[in-house]
Amino acid sequence: MTAYAVGDWTAFGTATAATAATLTGLLFVAVSINLKRILEFPSLPARAGQTLIMFVTPLLAGLLIVIPGQPDAVLAAELIGTGAVIGTFQLMIDHRSVRAEQETPVTWLVSRIFPAVVSCGCLLAAGVSLLSHLGGGLYWLVPAVLAAIVFGLINAWVLLVEIMR
């Protein structure tokens, strides 16, 4: 497996898309179970939206990787576009959302801004690196996917369990 041989990454893309789709389903269950409670907190609907986007990010990346016969430059452009659009959208949601009473500026930054910057920034890096064949190539997808999944799971836990305390 190399960083620039897209065909070597199809198993990663398949596993990533399947995992992200499963987690997206978990999020829908969490939100539907606790919808009334989520709507009682001004900051939680935006957090639910951000979590959905976090799970959709690796889902899209995985699906883009498994498109057969796609030229490297096309995949690179798709990753760059996906990272830019999703990152911008997430930051807009974060900018408009209300900070919870228990959130300090630091915890808000770490739980809201950092996940978008890391996951989408790494998608951008993967696309640019694949296009230039320098700097790690598709290996940048690993931290992008891990950040989206880990932070998405933390948010899903808040939406499913923590709000009931």
N, C-alpha and C. Protein backbone atom coordinates (compact mmCIF):
# COMPACT_ATOMS: atom_id res chain seq x y z
N MET A 1 0.85 -1.18 0.00
CA MET A 1 0.00 0.00 0.00
C MET A 1 0.90 1.24 0.00
N THR A 2 0.58 2.15 -0.88
CA THR A 2 1.32 3.40 -0.90
C THR A 2 0.35 4.56 -0.72
N ALA A 3 0.92 5.69 -0.41
CA ALA A 3 0.12 6.87 -0.14
C ALA A 3 -0.53 7.43 -1.39
N TYR A 4 -0.03 7.05 -2.57
CA TYR A 4 -0.50 7.66 -3.81
C TYR A 4 -1.16 6.67 -4.76
N ALA A 5 -1.28 5.42 -4.37
CA ALA A 5 -1.96 4.41 -5.19
C ALA A 5 -3.39 4.27 -4.69
N VAL A 6 -4.29 4.99 -5.32
CA VAL A 6 -5.68 5.06 -4.86
C VAL A 6 -6.31 3.67 -4.78
N GLY A 7 -6.00 2.80 -5.71
CA GLY A 7 -6.58 1.45 -5.71
C GLY A 7 -6.24 0.66 -4.46
N ASP A 8 -5.12 0.99 -3.82
CA ASP A 8 -4.74 0.30 -2.58
C ASP A 8 -5.60 0.71 -1.40
N TRP A 9 -6.38 1.74 -1.56
CA TRP A 9 -7.15 2.30 -0.45
C TRP A 9 -8.63 1.92 -0.48
N THR A 10 -9.03 1.05 -1.38
CA THR A 10 -10.47 0.72 -1.49
C THR A 10 -10.99 0.00 -0.24
N ALA A 11 -10.20 -0.87 0.36
CA ALA A 11 -10.64 -1.55 1.58
C ALA A 11 -10.82 -0.54 2.71
N PHE A 12 -9.90 0.40 2.80
CA PHE A 12 -10.02 1.47 3.80
C PHE A 12 -11.29 2.29 3.55
N GLY A 13 -11.53 2.62 2.29
CA GLY A 13 -12.73 3.39 1.94
C GLY A 13 -14.00 2.64 2.26
N THR A 14 -14.02 1.35 1.97
CA THR A 14 -15.20 0.54 2.25
C THR A 14 -15.46 0.46 3.75
N ALA A 15 -14.42 0.17 4.52
CA ALA A 15 -14.57 0.08 5.98
C ALA A 15 -14.98 1.42 6.57
N THR A 16 -14.40 2.49 6.07
CA THR A 16 -14.71 3.83 6.56
C THR A 16 -16.17 4.17 6.28
N ALA A 17 -16.61 3.94 5.05
CA ALA A 17 -18.00 4.27 4.70
C ALA A 17 -18.99 3.43 5.52
N ALA A 18 -18.70 2.15 5.70
CA ALA A 18 -19.60 1.29 6.48
C ALA A 18 -19.66 1.72 7.93
N THR A 19 -18.51 2.04 8.50
CA THR A 19 -18.46 2.49 9.90
C THR A 19 -19.22 3.80 10.07
N ALA A 20 -18.96 4.75 9.18
CA ALA A 20 -19.61 6.05 9.27
C ALA A 20 -21.13 5.94 9.08
N ALA A 21 -21.55 5.08 8.18
CA ALA A 21 -23.00 4.89 7.97
C ALA A 21 -23.65 4.30 9.22
N THR A 22 -22.98 3.36 9.85
CA THR A 22 -23.50 2.76 11.08
C THR A 22 -23.61 3.80 12.19
N LEU A 23 -22.56 4.62 12.33
CA LEU A 23 -22.57 5.65 13.37
C LEU A 23 -23.62 6.72 13.09
N THR A 24 -23.87 7.00 11.83
CA THR A 24 -24.92 7.95 11.48
C THR A 24 -26.28 7.41 11.94
N GLY A 25 -26.49 6.12 11.76
CA GLY A 25 -27.71 5.49 12.26
C GLY A 25 -27.82 5.58 13.77
N LEU A 26 -26.70 5.37 14.47
CA LEU A 26 -26.68 5.51 15.93
C LEU A 26 -27.08 6.93 16.33
N LEU A 27 -26.59 7.90 15.61
CA LEU A 27 -26.92 9.29 15.92
C LEU A 27 -28.42 9.54 15.76
N PHE A 28 -29.01 9.03 14.69
CA PHE A 28 -30.45 9.21 14.48
C PHE A 28 -31.25 8.57 15.61
N VAL A 29 -30.80 7.43 16.10
CA VAL A 29 -31.47 6.79 17.22
C VAL A 29 -31.33 7.67 18.47
N ALA A 30 -30.12 8.15 18.73
CA ALA A 30 -29.88 8.98 19.91
C ALA A 30 -30.73 10.24 19.88
N VAL A 31 -30.80 10.89 18.73
CA VAL A 31 -31.58 12.12 18.62
C VAL A 31 -33.07 11.83 18.73
N SER A 32 -33.53 10.77 18.10
CA SER A 32 -34.97 10.48 18.16
C SER A 32 -35.40 10.07 19.57
N ILE A 33 -34.57 9.36 20.28
CA ILE A 33 -34.90 8.96 21.65
C ILE A 33 -34.98 10.17 22.57
N ASN A 34 -34.07 11.12 22.38
CA ASN A 34 -33.96 12.25 23.29
C ASN A 34 -34.32 13.59 22.65
N LEU A 35 -35.12 13.58 21.60
CA LEU A 35 -35.39 14.82 20.88
C LEU A 35 -35.96 15.92 21.76
N LYS A 36 -36.94 15.58 22.57
CA LYS A 36 -37.55 16.59 23.44
C LYS A 36 -36.52 17.18 24.39
N ARG A 37 -35.70 16.35 24.95
CA ARG A 37 -34.66 16.81 25.90
C ARG A 37 -33.60 17.63 25.15
N ILE A 38 -33.20 17.22 23.97
CA ILE A 38 -32.20 17.95 23.18
C ILE A 38 -32.70 19.36 22.88
N LEU A 39 -33.97 19.47 22.53
CA LEU A 39 -34.54 20.77 22.19
C LEU A 39 -34.67 21.71 23.38
N GLU A 40 -34.57 21.17 24.60
CA GLU A 40 -34.62 22.00 25.81
C GLU A 40 -33.34 22.80 26.01
N PHE A 41 -32.24 22.38 25.39
CA PHE A 41 -30.95 23.05 25.55
C PHE A 41 -30.61 23.79 24.26
N PRO A 42 -30.40 25.10 24.33
CA PRO A 42 -30.15 25.87 23.10
C PRO A 42 -28.92 25.43 22.31
N SER A 43 -27.93 24.85 22.98
CA SER A 43 -26.69 24.48 22.28
C SER A 43 -26.74 23.09 21.65
N LEU A 44 -27.68 22.24 22.07
CA LEU A 44 -27.65 20.85 21.62
C LEU A 44 -28.15 20.60 20.20
N PRO A 45 -29.14 21.31 19.67
CA PRO A 45 -29.49 21.06 18.27
C PRO A 45 -28.31 21.29 17.31
N ALA A 46 -27.55 22.34 17.55
CA ALA A 46 -26.37 22.59 16.71
C ALA A 46 -25.33 21.49 16.90
N ARG A 47 -25.20 21.01 18.13
CA ARG A 47 -24.25 19.92 18.39
C ARG A 47 -24.68 18.64 17.68
N ALA A 48 -25.98 18.40 17.63
CA ALA A 48 -26.49 17.24 16.90
C ALA A 48 -26.20 17.38 15.41
N GLY A 49 -26.40 18.58 14.88
CA GLY A 49 -26.09 18.84 13.47
C GLY A 49 -24.61 18.68 13.18
N GLN A 50 -23.78 19.18 14.06
CA GLN A 50 -22.33 19.04 13.90
C GLN A 50 -21.94 17.56 13.92
N THR A 51 -22.56 16.80 14.80
CA THR A 51 -22.25 15.38 14.90
C THR A 51 -22.64 14.64 13.62
N LEU A 52 -23.80 14.99 13.08
CA LEU A 52 -24.21 14.39 11.80
C LEU A 52 -23.17 14.69 10.72
N ILE A 53 -22.72 15.92 10.65
CA ILE A 53 -21.71 16.29 9.67
C ILE A 53 -20.40 15.55 9.93
N MET A 54 -20.04 15.37 11.20
CA MET A 54 -18.80 14.63 11.51
C MET A 54 -18.88 13.20 11.01
N PHE A 55 -20.04 12.57 11.11
CA PHE A 55 -20.17 11.20 10.62
C PHE A 55 -20.30 11.15 9.10
N VAL A 56 -20.87 12.17 8.50
CA VAL A 56 -21.00 12.21 7.04
C VAL A 56 -19.64 12.46 6.37
N THR A 57 -18.74 13.16 7.06
CA THR A 57 -17.42 13.46 6.48
C THR A 57 -16.66 12.18 6.11
N PRO A 58 -16.46 11.23 7.02
CA PRO A 58 -15.78 9.99 6.61
C PRO A 58 -16.62 9.14 5.67
N LEU A 59 -17.94 9.23 5.78
CA LEU A 59 -18.81 8.50 4.86
C LEU A 59 -18.55 8.96 3.43
N LEU A 60 -18.53 10.25 3.21
CA LEU A 60 -18.26 10.78 1.87
C LEU A 60 -16.85 10.45 1.41
N ALA A 61 -15.88 10.61 2.30
CA ALA A 61 -14.49 10.31 1.93
C ALA A 61 -14.35 8.84 1.52
N GLY A 62 -14.96 7.96 2.30
CA GLY A 62 -14.91 6.53 1.97
C GLY A 62 -15.56 6.22 0.64
N LEU A 63 -16.70 6.84 0.38
CA LEU A 63 -17.38 6.61 -0.89
C LEU A 63 -16.58 7.15 -2.07
N LEU A 64 -15.94 8.29 -1.90
CA LEU A 64 -15.13 8.85 -2.98
C LEU A 64 -13.95 7.95 -3.32
N ILE A 65 -13.37 7.33 -2.30
CA ILE A 65 -12.20 6.47 -2.52
C ILE A 65 -12.55 5.22 -3.32
N VAL A 66 -13.74 4.70 -3.12
CA VAL A 66 -14.09 3.42 -3.77
C VAL A 66 -14.68 3.58 -5.16
N ILE A 67 -14.75 4.79 -5.68
CA ILE A 67 -15.23 4.97 -7.05
C ILE A 67 -14.19 4.34 -7.99
N PRO A 68 -14.58 3.35 -8.77
CA PRO A 68 -13.60 2.63 -9.60
C PRO A 68 -13.08 3.47 -10.77
N GLY A 69 -11.80 3.31 -11.05
CA GLY A 69 -11.18 3.92 -12.22
C GLY A 69 -11.04 5.43 -12.19
N GLN A 70 -11.22 6.01 -11.06
CA GLN A 70 -11.18 7.47 -10.93
C GLN A 70 -9.73 7.96 -10.98
N PRO A 71 -9.41 8.94 -11.81
CA PRO A 71 -8.04 9.47 -11.83
C PRO A 71 -7.66 10.13 -10.50
N ASP A 72 -6.39 10.09 -10.17
CA ASP A 72 -5.91 10.68 -8.92
C ASP A 72 -6.29 12.15 -8.80
N ALA A 73 -6.18 12.88 -9.88
CA ALA A 73 -6.47 14.32 -9.84
C ALA A 73 -7.94 14.58 -9.52
N VAL A 74 -8.81 13.73 -10.00
CA VAL A 74 -10.24 13.89 -9.72
C VAL A 74 -10.52 13.61 -8.24
N LEU A 75 -9.97 12.52 -7.72
CA LEU A 75 -10.15 12.22 -6.30
C LEU A 75 -9.56 13.34 -5.45
N ALA A 76 -8.40 13.84 -5.83
CA ALA A 76 -7.77 14.93 -5.09
C ALA A 76 -8.70 16.14 -5.05
N ALA A 77 -9.26 16.49 -6.19
CA ALA A 77 -10.19 17.64 -6.25
C ALA A 77 -11.43 17.39 -5.40
N GLU A 78 -11.94 16.16 -5.41
CA GLU A 78 -13.12 15.83 -4.61
C GLU A 78 -12.81 15.94 -3.12
N LEU A 79 -11.64 15.47 -2.71
CA LEU A 79 -11.26 15.55 -1.30
C LEU A 79 -11.08 17.01 -0.87
N ILE A 80 -10.44 17.79 -1.72
CA ILE A 80 -10.24 19.21 -1.42
C ILE A 80 -11.60 19.91 -1.31
N GLY A 81 -12.46 19.68 -2.28
CA GLY A 81 -13.78 20.31 -2.26
C GLY A 81 -14.60 19.87 -1.07
N THR A 82 -14.59 18.58 -0.77
CA THR A 82 -15.34 18.06 0.36
C THR A 82 -14.84 18.66 1.67
N GLY A 83 -13.53 18.67 1.84
CA GLY A 83 -12.96 19.25 3.06
C GLY A 83 -13.29 20.72 3.21
N ALA A 84 -13.21 21.46 2.12
CA ALA A 84 -13.48 22.91 2.18
C ALA A 84 -14.95 23.19 2.46
N VAL A 85 -15.85 22.50 1.76
CA VAL A 85 -17.28 22.76 1.93
C VAL A 85 -17.75 22.32 3.32
N ILE A 86 -17.40 21.11 3.71
CA ILE A 86 -17.85 20.61 5.01
C ILE A 86 -17.22 21.41 6.14
N GLY A 87 -15.93 21.72 6.03
CA GLY A 87 -15.27 22.51 7.06
C GLY A 87 -15.90 23.87 7.23
N THR A 88 -16.19 24.53 6.11
CA THR A 88 -16.84 25.84 6.16
C THR A 88 -18.23 25.74 6.80
N PHE A 89 -18.97 24.73 6.40
CA PHE A 89 -20.32 24.54 6.94
C PHE A 89 -20.27 24.28 8.45
N GLN A 90 -19.33 23.44 8.89
CA GLN A 90 -19.21 23.15 10.32
C GLN A 90 -18.83 24.41 11.10
N LEU A 91 -17.91 25.17 10.58
CA LEU A 91 -17.49 26.39 11.28
C LEU A 91 -18.63 27.41 11.33
N MET A 92 -19.45 27.45 10.29
CA MET A 92 -20.62 28.34 10.31
C MET A 92 -21.61 27.90 11.40
N ILE A 93 -21.85 26.61 11.51
CA ILE A 93 -22.74 26.11 12.56
C ILE A 93 -22.18 26.47 13.93
N ASP A 94 -20.88 26.26 14.11
CA ASP A 94 -20.25 26.55 15.39
C ASP A 94 -20.32 28.04 15.72
N HIS A 95 -20.11 28.86 14.72
CA HIS A 95 -20.14 30.31 14.93
C HIS A 95 -21.53 30.78 15.37
N ARG A 96 -22.56 30.17 14.83
CA ARG A 96 -23.95 30.56 15.13
C ARG A 96 -24.52 29.91 16.37
N SER A 97 -23.87 28.84 16.85
CA SER A 97 -24.45 28.10 17.97
C SER A 97 -24.17 28.80 19.30
N VAL A 98 -25.06 28.54 20.23
CA VAL A 98 -24.94 29.07 21.58
C VAL A 98 -24.01 28.18 22.38
N ARG A 99 -23.12 28.79 23.14
CA ARG A 99 -22.24 28.01 24.01
C ARG A 99 -23.01 27.63 25.27
N ALA A 100 -22.94 26.37 25.66
CA ALA A 100 -23.63 25.89 26.85
C ALA A 100 -23.03 26.55 28.09
N GLU A 101 -23.84 26.66 29.13
CA GLU A 101 -23.40 27.30 30.38
C GLU A 101 -22.16 26.63 30.96
N GLN A 102 -22.09 25.32 30.87
CA GLN A 102 -20.98 24.59 31.47
C GLN A 102 -19.72 24.57 30.59
N GLU A 103 -19.83 25.08 29.38
CA GLU A 103 -18.68 25.11 28.47
C GLU A 103 -17.86 26.37 28.69
N THR A 104 -16.57 26.18 28.90
CA THR A 104 -15.65 27.31 28.94
C THR A 104 -15.23 27.61 27.51
N PRO A 105 -14.62 28.75 27.26
CA PRO A 105 -14.13 29.00 25.90
C PRO A 105 -13.16 27.92 25.41
N VAL A 106 -12.36 27.38 26.32
CA VAL A 106 -11.40 26.34 25.92
C VAL A 106 -12.12 25.04 25.57
N THR A 107 -13.07 24.61 26.39
CA THR A 107 -13.78 23.36 26.08
C THR A 107 -14.63 23.52 24.83
N TRP A 108 -15.19 24.71 24.62
CA TRP A 108 -15.95 24.97 23.39
C TRP A 108 -15.04 24.85 22.17
N LEU A 109 -13.85 25.44 22.28
CA LEU A 109 -12.89 25.38 21.19
C LEU A 109 -12.48 23.94 20.89
N VAL A 110 -12.20 23.18 21.93
CA VAL A 110 -11.76 21.79 21.76
C VAL A 110 -12.89 20.90 21.26
N SER A 111 -14.10 21.10 21.75
CA SER A 111 -15.20 20.20 21.37
C SER A 111 -15.92 20.62 20.10
N ARG A 112 -15.83 21.88 19.71
CA ARG A 112 -16.58 22.35 18.55
C ARG A 112 -15.69 22.70 17.36
N ILE A 113 -14.67 23.52 17.57
CA ILE A 113 -13.84 24.00 16.47
C ILE A 113 -12.77 22.99 16.08
N PHE A 114 -12.09 22.43 17.06
CA PHE A 114 -10.99 21.50 16.79
C PHE A 114 -11.39 20.32 15.91
N PRO A 115 -12.54 19.65 16.16
CA PRO A 115 -12.90 18.52 15.30
C PRO A 115 -13.07 18.91 13.83
N ALA A 116 -13.69 20.05 13.58
CA ALA A 116 -13.89 20.48 12.19
C ALA A 116 -12.56 20.81 11.53
N VAL A 117 -11.70 21.49 12.25
CA VAL A 117 -10.41 21.88 11.69
C VAL A 117 -9.56 20.64 11.41
N VAL A 118 -9.52 19.70 12.34
CA VAL A 118 -8.68 18.51 12.15
C VAL A 118 -9.23 17.62 11.04
N SER A 119 -10.52 17.26 11.12
CA SER A 119 -11.05 16.32 10.14
C SER A 119 -11.05 16.93 8.74
N CYS A 120 -11.52 18.14 8.59
CA CYS A 120 -11.59 18.74 7.26
C CYS A 120 -10.23 19.23 6.79
N GLY A 121 -9.41 19.69 7.72
CA GLY A 121 -8.05 20.10 7.36
C GLY A 121 -7.24 18.92 6.83
N CYS A 122 -7.41 17.76 7.45
CA CYS A 122 -6.70 16.57 6.98
C CYS A 122 -7.25 16.08 5.64
N LEU A 123 -8.55 16.26 5.39
CA LEU A 123 -9.10 15.94 4.07
C LEU A 123 -8.47 16.84 3.01
N LEU A 124 -8.37 18.12 3.32
CA LEU A 124 -7.71 19.06 2.40
C LEU A 124 -6.27 18.65 2.16
N ALA A 125 -5.56 18.30 3.23
CA ALA A 125 -4.16 17.89 3.11
C ALA A 125 -4.04 16.62 2.26
N ALA A 126 -4.97 15.69 2.43
CA ALA A 126 -4.95 14.46 1.62
C ALA A 126 -5.11 14.79 0.14
N GLY A 127 -6.04 15.67 -0.17
CA GLY A 127 -6.26 16.04 -1.57
C GLY A 127 -5.08 16.76 -2.17
N VAL A 128 -4.55 17.74 -1.47
CA VAL A 128 -3.39 18.50 -1.97
C VAL A 128 -2.18 17.59 -2.10
N SER A 129 -1.98 16.74 -1.11
CA SER A 129 -0.83 15.83 -1.13
C SER A 129 -0.95 14.79 -2.25
N LEU A 130 -2.15 14.28 -2.48
CA LEU A 130 -2.37 13.33 -3.57
C LEU A 130 -2.12 14.00 -4.91
N LEU A 131 -2.59 15.22 -5.04
CA LEU A 131 -2.42 15.97 -6.29
C LEU A 131 -0.95 16.24 -6.60
N SER A 132 -0.19 16.59 -5.56
CA SER A 132 1.22 16.94 -5.75
C SER A 132 2.16 15.75 -5.62
N HIS A 133 1.65 14.62 -5.12
CA HIS A 133 2.46 13.43 -4.83
C HIS A 133 3.60 13.75 -3.88
N LEU A 134 3.30 14.61 -2.93
CA LEU A 134 4.25 14.98 -1.88
C LEU A 134 3.52 15.07 -0.55
N GLY A 135 4.18 14.69 0.52
CA GLY A 135 3.66 14.99 1.85
C GLY A 135 2.73 13.99 2.49
N GLY A 136 2.68 12.77 2.06
CA GLY A 136 1.90 11.77 2.77
C GLY A 136 0.68 11.24 2.05
N GLY A 137 0.22 11.93 1.03
CA GLY A 137 -0.88 11.43 0.22
C GLY A 137 -2.11 11.06 1.01
N LEU A 138 -2.64 9.89 0.72
CA LEU A 138 -3.89 9.44 1.33
C LEU A 138 -3.76 9.04 2.79
N TYR A 139 -2.53 8.98 3.29
CA TYR A 139 -2.37 8.71 4.72
C TYR A 139 -2.99 9.82 5.57
N TRP A 140 -3.19 11.00 5.00
CA TRP A 140 -3.88 12.08 5.71
C TRP A 140 -5.35 11.74 5.99
N LEU A 141 -5.88 10.75 5.28
CA LEU A 141 -7.26 10.35 5.53
C LEU A 141 -7.41 9.69 6.90
N VAL A 142 -6.36 9.06 7.38
CA VAL A 142 -6.44 8.35 8.67
C VAL A 142 -6.77 9.32 9.80
N PRO A 143 -6.00 10.41 10.01
CA PRO A 143 -6.41 11.32 11.09
C PRO A 143 -7.73 12.03 10.82
N ALA A 144 -8.06 12.26 9.55
CA ALA A 144 -9.35 12.89 9.22
C ALA A 144 -10.49 12.00 9.68
N VAL A 145 -10.41 10.73 9.36
CA VAL A 145 -11.46 9.77 9.72
C VAL A 145 -11.50 9.55 11.23
N LEU A 146 -10.34 9.36 11.83
CA LEU A 146 -10.30 9.11 13.27
C LEU A 146 -10.85 10.30 14.06
N ALA A 147 -10.47 11.52 13.69
CA ALA A 147 -10.97 12.71 14.39
C ALA A 147 -12.48 12.80 14.26
N ALA A 148 -13.00 12.61 13.06
CA ALA A 148 -14.44 12.71 12.86
C ALA A 148 -15.17 11.65 13.67
N ILE A 149 -14.68 10.43 13.68
CA ILE A 149 -15.35 9.36 14.40
C ILE A 149 -15.25 9.55 15.91
N VAL A 150 -14.07 9.87 16.41
CA VAL A 150 -13.90 10.02 17.86
C VAL A 150 -14.73 11.18 18.39
N PHE A 151 -14.63 12.34 17.76
CA PHE A 151 -15.40 13.49 18.24
C PHE A 151 -16.90 13.29 18.01
N GLY A 152 -17.26 12.62 16.94
CA GLY A 152 -18.66 12.31 16.70
C GLY A 152 -19.21 11.38 17.78
N LEU A 153 -18.42 10.39 18.18
CA LEU A 153 -18.86 9.48 19.24
C LEU A 153 -19.01 10.20 20.57
N ILE A 154 -18.10 11.13 20.86
CA ILE A 154 -18.21 11.91 22.10
C ILE A 154 -19.51 12.71 22.08
N ASN A 155 -19.79 13.36 20.97
CA ASN A 155 -21.04 14.12 20.87
C ASN A 155 -22.26 13.21 20.95
N ALA A 156 -22.20 12.06 20.31
CA ALA A 156 -23.33 11.12 20.37
C ALA A 156 -23.57 10.67 21.81
N TRP A 157 -22.51 10.46 22.56
CA TRP A 157 -22.63 10.09 23.97
C TRP A 157 -23.34 11.19 24.76
N VAL A 158 -22.96 12.44 24.49
CA VAL A 158 -23.62 13.57 25.16
C VAL A 158 -25.10 13.59 24.81
N LEU A 159 -25.42 13.39 23.55
CA LEU A 159 -26.82 13.46 23.09
C LEU A 159 -27.65 12.26 23.58
N LEU A 160 -27.00 11.15 23.85
CA LEU A 160 -27.74 9.95 24.26
C LEU A 160 -27.78 9.78 25.77
N VAL A 161 -26.66 10.06 26.44
CA VAL A 161 -26.55 9.73 27.86
C VAL A 161 -26.42 10.95 28.76
N GLU A 162 -25.49 11.80 28.45
CA GLU A 162 -25.17 12.90 29.37
C GLU A 162 -26.33 13.86 29.58
N ILE A 163 -27.16 14.07 28.60
CA ILE A 163 -28.26 15.02 28.78
C ILE A 163 -29.33 14.50 29.74
N MET A 164 -29.27 13.23 30.05
CA MET A 164 -30.25 12.65 30.97
C MET A 164 -29.81 12.79 32.43
N ARG A 165 -28.62 13.28 32.66
CA ARG A 165 -28.12 13.43 34.05
C ARG A 165 -28.65 14.67 34.71
